[in-house]
C-alpha cells in the first residue's frame, strides 16, 4: 500500500496489492491536506477493499512510520 499527494494538494493517488490473493486497487481521490492523511486514506481504502471482496488480511504494510505508530499505539503523535 502506498499513497502520494499531488503537488497542488488537490488529489491523492493510492495503490494497494494484497499479496498471495487476487486483489489490487489503484485510485485517484480528491485531495488530502498532507502526505500523512493520504497514507491514512490509503490504509482505509485497503481495508474497505478487502472487506468488500472477502479477502482475508493478516498484515497491513505501510512506509509511513507516523501512520503505523498512530494506529498501533495509544501514545499521542508528536510532529
Protein backbone atom coordinates (compact mmCIF):
# COMPACT_ATOMS: atom_id res chain seq x y z
CA UNK A 1 0.00 0.00 0.00
CA UNK A 2 1.26 3.45 -0.83
CA UNK A 3 -0.09 6.92 -1.33
CA UNK A 4 1.04 10.13 -2.95
CA UNK A 5 -0.16 13.71 -2.76
CA UNK A 6 -0.31 15.86 -5.91
CA UNK A 7 1.87 18.97 -5.95
CA UNK A 8 -1.14 21.25 -5.63
CA UNK A 9 -2.73 19.08 -2.91
CA UNK A 10 -5.95 18.59 -4.87
CA UNK A 11 -5.61 14.84 -5.39
CA UNK A 12 -4.14 11.78 -3.77
CA UNK A 13 -3.20 8.60 -5.56
CA UNK A 14 -3.26 5.25 -3.80
CA UNK A 15 -2.09 1.81 -4.77
CA UNK A 16 -2.80 -1.43 -2.94
CA UNK A 17 -1.71 -5.00 -3.61
CA UNK A 18 -2.98 -7.84 -1.45
CA UNK A 19 -0.25 -10.46 -1.64
CA UNK A 20 -0.98 -14.13 -2.34
CA UNK A 21 -4.55 -13.26 -3.32
CA UNK A 22 -6.14 -11.81 -6.39
CA UNK A 23 -6.51 -8.28 -5.14
CA UNK A 24 -5.20 -4.95 -6.35
CA UNK A 25 -6.54 -1.43 -6.19
CA UNK A 26 -5.47 1.87 -7.71
CA UNK A 27 -7.42 5.07 -7.19
CA UNK A 28 -7.23 8.81 -7.63
CA UNK A 29 -9.22 10.58 -4.94
CA UNK A 30 -9.96 14.18 -4.15
CA UNK A 31 -7.27 15.74 -2.00
CA UNK A 32 -5.85 15.46 1.42
CA UNK A 33 -4.00 18.21 3.20
CA UNK A 34 -0.87 16.16 3.88
CA UNK A 35 1.03 13.02 2.97
CA UNK A 36 0.13 11.69 6.45
CA UNK A 37 -3.59 11.95 5.67
CA UNK A 38 -3.06 10.46 2.21
CA UNK A 39 -1.37 7.42 3.81
CA UNK A 40 -4.26 7.10 6.30
CA UNK A 41 -6.80 7.21 3.46
CA UNK A 42 -4.83 4.55 1.57
CA UNK A 43 -4.98 2.19 4.57
CA UNK A 44 -8.71 2.82 4.97
CA UNK A 45 -9.28 2.11 1.27
CA UNK A 46 -7.21 -1.08 1.50
CA UNK A 47 -9.28 -2.35 4.44
CA UNK A 48 -12.57 -1.47 2.72
CA UNK A 49 -11.42 -3.20 -0.49
CA UNK A 50 -10.51 -6.36 1.43
CA UNK A 51 -13.85 -6.39 3.26
CA UNK A 52 -15.88 -5.77 0.08
CA UNK A 53 -14.11 -8.62 -1.72
CA UNK A 54 -13.98 -11.04 1.24
CA UNK A 55 -10.17 -11.06 1.18
CA UNK A 56 -8.50 -12.03 4.46
CA UNK A 57 -5.72 -9.73 5.67
CA UNK A 58 -3.02 -10.89 8.04
CA UNK A 59 -0.89 -7.75 7.82
CA UNK A 60 -1.13 -4.21 6.57
CA UNK A 61 2.17 -2.69 5.46
CA UNK A 62 2.99 0.99 5.19
CA UNK A 63 6.14 3.02 4.62
CA UNK A 64 4.82 5.80 6.87
CA UNK A 65 6.18 5.30 10.37
CA UNK A 66 3.94 8.06 11.78
CA UNK A 67 0.81 6.36 10.48
CA UNK A 68 1.92 2.97 11.81
CA UNK A 69 2.67 4.47 15.23
CA UNK A 70 -0.70 6.21 15.43
CA UNK A 71 -2.53 3.00 14.53
CA UNK A 72 -0.54 0.65 16.76
CA UNK A 73 -0.01 2.71 19.91
CA UNK A 74 -2.08 4.78 22.25
CA UNK A 75 0.68 7.38 22.52
CA UNK A 76 -0.11 10.81 21.09
CA UNK A 77 1.64 11.71 17.86
CA UNK A 78 4.29 14.42 18.12
CA UNK A 79 5.09 16.26 14.96
